């Protein structure tokens, strides 16, 4: 698993109510993807690169978390090459549910 190979401890559960879980964390449907995680109080939606998560945890913005919407083939963990990950649209999910670009 991608995050485990980047040093993260991952506890995986199959949640049939994941859409409700995602919504309870403040992640809007427009940012939905195939995985939802919580890392140190932040929601991580989709195949967000580990570098982006590290920046989030270092800077600790007042936000809900990060999202990489959809299931892009070139995203981390989807078989894409690391060189193409920077081209993927990672967004900061603000507390009001709005999205803004998040470079890492």
N, C-alpha and C. Protein backbone atom coordinates (compact mmCIF):
# COMPACT_ATOMS: atom_id res chain seq x y z
N UNK A 1 0.84 -1.18 0.00
CA UNK A 1 0.00 0.00 0.00
C UNK A 1 0.89 1.24 0.00
N UNK A 2 0.49 2.23 -0.80
CA UNK A 2 1.30 3.43 -1.02
C UNK A 2 1.67 4.16 0.27
N UNK A 3 0.71 4.46 1.12
CA UNK A 3 1.03 5.21 2.33
C UNK A 3 1.89 4.40 3.29
N UNK A 4 1.67 3.11 3.38
CA UNK A 4 2.52 2.27 4.23
C UNK A 4 3.95 2.29 3.73
N UNK A 5 4.15 2.29 2.42
CA UNK A 5 5.51 2.33 1.88
C UNK A 5 6.17 3.69 2.14
N UNK A 6 5.37 4.68 2.56
CA UNK A 6 5.89 5.99 2.91
C UNK A 6 5.90 6.22 4.42
N UNK A 7 5.89 5.12 5.17
CA UNK A 7 6.06 5.20 6.62
C UNK A 7 4.81 5.38 7.45
N UNK A 8 3.65 5.38 6.82
CA UNK A 8 2.41 5.58 7.59
C UNK A 8 1.89 4.26 8.14
N UNK A 9 1.34 4.33 9.33
CA UNK A 9 0.64 3.18 9.90
C UNK A 9 -0.81 3.31 9.43
N UNK A 10 -1.32 2.30 8.76
CA UNK A 10 -2.65 2.37 8.15
C UNK A 10 -3.53 1.28 8.73
N UNK A 11 -4.71 1.68 9.18
CA UNK A 11 -5.73 0.75 9.66
C UNK A 11 -6.88 0.84 8.66
N UNK A 12 -7.09 -0.21 7.88
CA UNK A 12 -8.09 -0.20 6.80
C UNK A 12 -9.37 -0.87 7.26
N UNK A 13 -10.49 -0.19 6.98
CA UNK A 13 -11.81 -0.78 7.23
C UNK A 13 -12.67 -0.56 5.99
N UNK A 14 -13.55 -1.50 5.73
CA UNK A 14 -14.50 -1.37 4.63
C UNK A 14 -15.78 -0.81 5.23
N UNK A 15 -16.12 0.41 4.87
CA UNK A 15 -17.26 1.10 5.47
C UNK A 15 -18.33 1.36 4.41
N UNK A 16 -19.44 0.62 4.47
CA UNK A 16 -20.49 0.85 3.48
C UNK A 16 -21.12 2.24 3.62
N UNK A 17 -20.90 2.91 4.73
CA UNK A 17 -21.41 4.26 4.94
C UNK A 17 -20.34 5.32 4.75
N UNK A 18 -19.38 5.04 3.86
CA UNK A 18 -18.25 5.95 3.68
C UNK A 18 -18.69 7.34 3.23
N UNK A 19 -19.71 7.46 2.39
CA UNK A 19 -20.18 8.78 1.95
C UNK A 19 -20.64 9.61 3.14
N UNK A 20 -21.35 8.99 4.06
CA UNK A 20 -21.79 9.68 5.26
C UNK A 20 -20.60 10.04 6.15
N UNK A 21 -19.64 9.12 6.24
CA UNK A 21 -18.43 9.38 7.03
C UNK A 21 -17.68 10.56 6.44
N UNK A 22 -17.50 10.56 5.13
CA UNK A 22 -16.81 11.66 4.44
C UNK A 22 -17.54 12.98 4.73
N UNK A 23 -18.85 12.99 4.61
CA UNK A 23 -19.63 14.20 4.86
C UNK A 23 -19.49 14.66 6.31
N UNK A 24 -19.44 13.70 7.24
CA UNK A 24 -19.31 14.07 8.66
C UNK A 24 -17.97 14.73 8.96
N UNK A 25 -16.98 14.47 8.11
CA UNK A 25 -15.67 15.09 8.27
C UNK A 25 -15.60 16.47 7.61
N UNK A 26 -16.63 16.81 6.83
CA UNK A 26 -16.65 18.11 6.16
C UNK A 26 -16.11 18.09 4.75
N UNK A 27 -15.94 16.91 4.17
CA UNK A 27 -15.45 16.80 2.79
C UNK A 27 -16.67 16.82 1.86
N UNK A 28 -16.75 17.82 0.96
CA UNK A 28 -17.91 17.92 0.08
C UNK A 28 -17.91 16.84 -1.01
N UNK A 29 -19.09 16.57 -1.55
CA UNK A 29 -19.21 15.57 -2.62
C UNK A 29 -18.34 15.93 -3.83
N UNK A 30 -18.12 17.21 -4.07
CA UNK A 30 -17.30 17.63 -5.22
C UNK A 30 -15.86 17.17 -5.08
N UNK A 31 -15.44 16.80 -3.88
CA UNK A 31 -14.07 16.34 -3.64
C UNK A 31 -13.99 14.84 -3.44
N UNK A 32 -15.10 14.14 -3.65
CA UNK A 32 -15.17 12.70 -3.36
C UNK A 32 -14.20 11.89 -4.22
N UNK A 33 -13.71 10.83 -3.59
CA UNK A 33 -12.84 9.87 -4.25
C UNK A 33 -13.17 8.50 -3.69
N UNK A 34 -12.23 7.59 -3.80
CA UNK A 34 -12.47 6.19 -3.43
C UNK A 34 -12.04 5.83 -2.02
N UNK A 35 -11.28 6.69 -1.35
CA UNK A 35 -10.79 6.41 -0.01
C UNK A 35 -10.94 7.65 0.86
N UNK A 36 -11.26 7.45 2.11
CA UNK A 36 -11.30 8.55 3.07
C UNK A 36 -10.48 8.12 4.28
N UNK A 37 -9.60 9.01 4.71
CA UNK A 37 -8.76 8.72 5.88
C UNK A 37 -8.80 9.91 6.83
N UNK A 38 -8.41 9.65 8.05
CA UNK A 38 -8.22 10.71 9.03
C UNK A 38 -6.78 10.58 9.52
N UNK A 39 -6.03 11.68 9.38
CA UNK A 39 -4.64 11.72 9.79
C UNK A 39 -4.45 12.90 10.73
N UNK A 40 -4.21 12.61 11.97
CA UNK A 40 -3.97 13.64 12.99
C UNK A 40 -5.04 14.73 12.96
N UNK A 41 -6.29 14.32 12.83
CA UNK A 41 -7.41 15.25 12.86
C UNK A 41 -7.81 15.83 11.52
N UNK A 42 -7.06 15.57 10.47
CA UNK A 42 -7.38 16.07 9.13
C UNK A 42 -7.97 14.94 8.28
N UNK A 43 -8.96 15.29 7.47
CA UNK A 43 -9.51 14.35 6.49
C UNK A 43 -8.58 14.32 5.28
N UNK A 44 -8.34 13.12 4.78
CA UNK A 44 -7.56 12.93 3.55
C UNK A 44 -8.46 12.14 2.62
N UNK A 45 -8.85 12.75 1.51
CA UNK A 45 -9.79 12.13 0.58
C UNK A 45 -9.08 11.78 -0.73
N UNK A 46 -9.06 10.50 -1.04
CA UNK A 46 -8.48 10.05 -2.31
C UNK A 46 -7.00 9.73 -2.21
N UNK A 47 -6.38 9.65 -3.37
CA UNK A 47 -4.98 9.24 -3.50
C UNK A 47 -4.05 10.44 -3.39
N UNK A 48 -4.09 11.12 -2.26
CA UNK A 48 -3.28 12.30 -2.01
C UNK A 48 -1.81 11.87 -1.83
N UNK A 49 -0.87 12.52 -2.53
CA UNK A 49 0.54 12.17 -2.37
C UNK A 49 1.03 12.38 -0.93
N UNK A 50 1.91 11.50 -0.49
CA UNK A 50 2.45 11.56 0.87
C UNK A 50 3.12 12.91 1.14
N UNK A 51 3.75 13.49 0.13
CA UNK A 51 4.41 14.79 0.30
C UNK A 51 3.41 15.87 0.67
N UNK A 52 2.21 15.82 0.09
CA UNK A 52 1.17 16.80 0.41
C UNK A 52 0.69 16.61 1.84
N UNK A 53 0.54 15.37 2.26
CA UNK A 53 0.11 15.09 3.64
C UNK A 53 1.17 15.58 4.62
N UNK A 54 2.43 15.35 4.30
CA UNK A 54 3.51 15.82 5.18
C UNK A 54 3.47 17.34 5.32
N UNK A 55 3.28 18.05 4.19
CA UNK A 55 3.20 19.52 4.24
C UNK A 55 2.01 19.95 5.09
N UNK A 56 0.87 19.31 4.92
CA UNK A 56 -0.32 19.62 5.71
C UNK A 56 -0.02 19.49 7.20
N UNK A 57 0.61 18.40 7.59
CA UNK A 57 0.90 18.15 9.00
C UNK A 57 1.97 19.07 9.56
N UNK A 58 2.85 19.55 8.70
CA UNK A 58 3.88 20.50 9.13
C UNK A 58 3.29 21.90 9.32
N UNK A 59 2.50 22.33 8.33
CA UNK A 59 1.96 23.69 8.36
C UNK A 59 0.70 23.83 9.21
N UNK A 60 -0.07 22.75 9.35
CA UNK A 60 -1.27 22.69 10.17
C UNK A 60 -2.23 23.86 9.91
N UNK A 61 -2.68 24.02 8.67
CA UNK A 61 -3.62 25.10 8.39
C UNK A 61 -4.97 24.85 9.06
N UNK A 62 -5.74 25.92 9.23
CA UNK A 62 -7.09 25.80 9.78
C UNK A 62 -7.98 25.32 8.63
N UNK A 63 -8.08 24.03 8.47
CA UNK A 63 -8.79 23.43 7.35
C UNK A 63 -9.30 22.06 7.74
N UNK A 64 -10.18 21.52 6.92
CA UNK A 64 -10.71 20.18 7.12
C UNK A 64 -9.70 19.12 6.73
N UNK A 65 -8.97 19.37 5.62
CA UNK A 65 -7.99 18.39 5.16
C UNK A 65 -7.63 18.59 3.71
N UNK A 66 -7.27 17.48 3.05
CA UNK A 66 -6.86 17.50 1.65
C UNK A 66 -7.71 16.53 0.84
N UNK A 67 -7.82 16.81 -0.46
CA UNK A 67 -8.56 15.91 -1.34
C UNK A 67 -7.91 15.88 -2.72
N UNK A 68 -7.91 14.70 -3.31
CA UNK A 68 -7.57 14.51 -4.71
C UNK A 68 -8.80 13.82 -5.30
N UNK A 69 -9.74 14.62 -5.84
CA UNK A 69 -11.03 14.08 -6.28
C UNK A 69 -10.92 13.03 -7.38
N UNK A 70 -11.92 12.17 -7.42
CA UNK A 70 -11.99 11.15 -8.46
C UNK A 70 -10.97 10.05 -8.24
N UNK A 71 -10.67 9.35 -9.30
CA UNK A 71 -9.69 8.27 -9.25
C UNK A 71 -8.73 8.40 -10.44
N UNK A 72 -7.89 9.45 -10.47
CA UNK A 72 -6.98 9.63 -11.59
C UNK A 72 -6.00 8.47 -11.71
N UNK A 73 -5.83 7.97 -12.90
CA UNK A 73 -4.93 6.84 -13.15
C UNK A 73 -3.49 7.18 -12.76
N UNK A 74 -3.11 8.43 -12.90
CA UNK A 74 -1.73 8.83 -12.63
C UNK A 74 -1.50 9.27 -11.18
N UNK A 75 -2.39 8.92 -10.28
CA UNK A 75 -2.25 9.30 -8.88
C UNK A 75 -1.46 8.26 -8.10
N UNK A 76 -0.88 8.65 -6.95
CA UNK A 76 -0.16 7.68 -6.12
C UNK A 76 -1.07 6.50 -5.74
N UNK A 77 -0.52 5.32 -5.82
CA UNK A 77 -1.27 4.12 -5.48
C UNK A 77 -2.16 3.60 -6.59
N UNK A 78 -2.22 4.32 -7.71
CA UNK A 78 -3.05 3.91 -8.84
C UNK A 78 -2.20 3.40 -10.00
N UNK A 79 -0.90 3.32 -9.79
CA UNK A 79 -0.03 2.80 -10.83
C UNK A 79 0.71 3.87 -11.60
N UNK A 80 0.42 5.14 -11.30
CA UNK A 80 1.11 6.22 -12.00
C UNK A 80 2.54 6.37 -11.52
N UNK A 81 3.33 7.05 -12.31
CA UNK A 81 4.73 7.31 -11.97
C UNK A 81 4.84 8.55 -11.09
N UNK A 82 5.79 8.57 -10.19
CA UNK A 82 5.97 9.68 -9.26
C UNK A 82 6.11 11.01 -9.99
N UNK A 83 6.73 11.00 -11.16
CA UNK A 83 6.93 12.23 -11.91
C UNK A 83 5.61 12.88 -12.32
N UNK A 84 4.54 12.11 -12.44
CA UNK A 84 3.25 12.66 -12.87
C UNK A 84 2.36 13.08 -11.70
N UNK A 85 2.74 12.75 -10.47
CA UNK A 85 1.89 13.05 -9.33
C UNK A 85 1.71 14.54 -9.12
N UNK A 86 2.73 15.32 -9.39
CA UNK A 86 2.64 16.76 -9.19
C UNK A 86 1.60 17.39 -10.11
N UNK A 87 1.22 16.69 -11.17
CA UNK A 87 0.21 17.20 -12.09
C UNK A 87 -1.21 16.94 -11.59
N UNK A 88 -1.36 16.19 -10.53
CA UNK A 88 -2.68 15.85 -10.02
C UNK A 88 -3.22 16.99 -9.15
N UNK A 89 -4.52 17.28 -9.23
CA UNK A 89 -5.11 18.42 -8.52
C UNK A 89 -5.40 18.13 -7.05
N UNK A 90 -4.46 18.41 -6.18
CA UNK A 90 -4.68 18.27 -4.74
C UNK A 90 -5.28 19.57 -4.23
N UNK A 91 -6.35 19.45 -3.45
CA UNK A 91 -7.04 20.62 -2.93
C UNK A 91 -7.02 20.64 -1.41
N UNK A 92 -6.92 21.84 -0.86
CA UNK A 92 -7.14 22.05 0.56
C UNK A 92 -8.64 22.19 0.74
N UNK A 93 -9.20 21.39 1.62
CA UNK A 93 -10.63 21.47 1.92
C UNK A 93 -10.78 22.41 3.11
N UNK A 94 -11.40 23.54 2.87
CA UNK A 94 -11.57 24.54 3.92
C UNK A 94 -12.74 24.16 4.82
N UNK A 95 -12.80 24.75 5.98
CA UNK A 95 -13.84 24.43 6.97
C UNK A 95 -15.25 24.69 6.44
N UNK A 96 -15.40 25.62 5.49
CA UNK A 96 -16.72 25.90 4.92
C UNK A 96 -17.06 24.98 3.76
N UNK A 97 -16.18 24.01 3.46
CA UNK A 97 -16.41 23.05 2.38
C UNK A 97 -15.88 23.50 1.04
N UNK A 98 -15.36 24.72 0.96
CA UNK A 98 -14.78 25.18 -0.30
C UNK A 98 -13.40 24.55 -0.51
N UNK A 99 -12.96 24.55 -1.75
CA UNK A 99 -11.68 23.94 -2.12
C UNK A 99 -10.75 25.01 -2.68
N UNK A 100 -9.48 24.90 -2.36
CA UNK A 100 -8.46 25.75 -2.96
C UNK A 100 -7.25 24.90 -3.29
N UNK A 101 -6.52 25.30 -4.30
CA UNK A 101 -5.34 24.54 -4.73
C UNK A 101 -4.33 24.41 -3.61
N UNK A 102 -3.67 23.27 -3.57
CA UNK A 102 -2.67 22.99 -2.53
C UNK A 102 -1.45 22.41 -3.21
N UNK A 103 -0.42 23.23 -3.38
CA UNK A 103 0.82 22.73 -3.98
C UNK A 103 1.71 22.17 -2.88
N UNK A 104 2.57 21.25 -3.25
CA UNK A 104 3.40 20.59 -2.24
C UNK A 104 4.79 20.36 -2.71
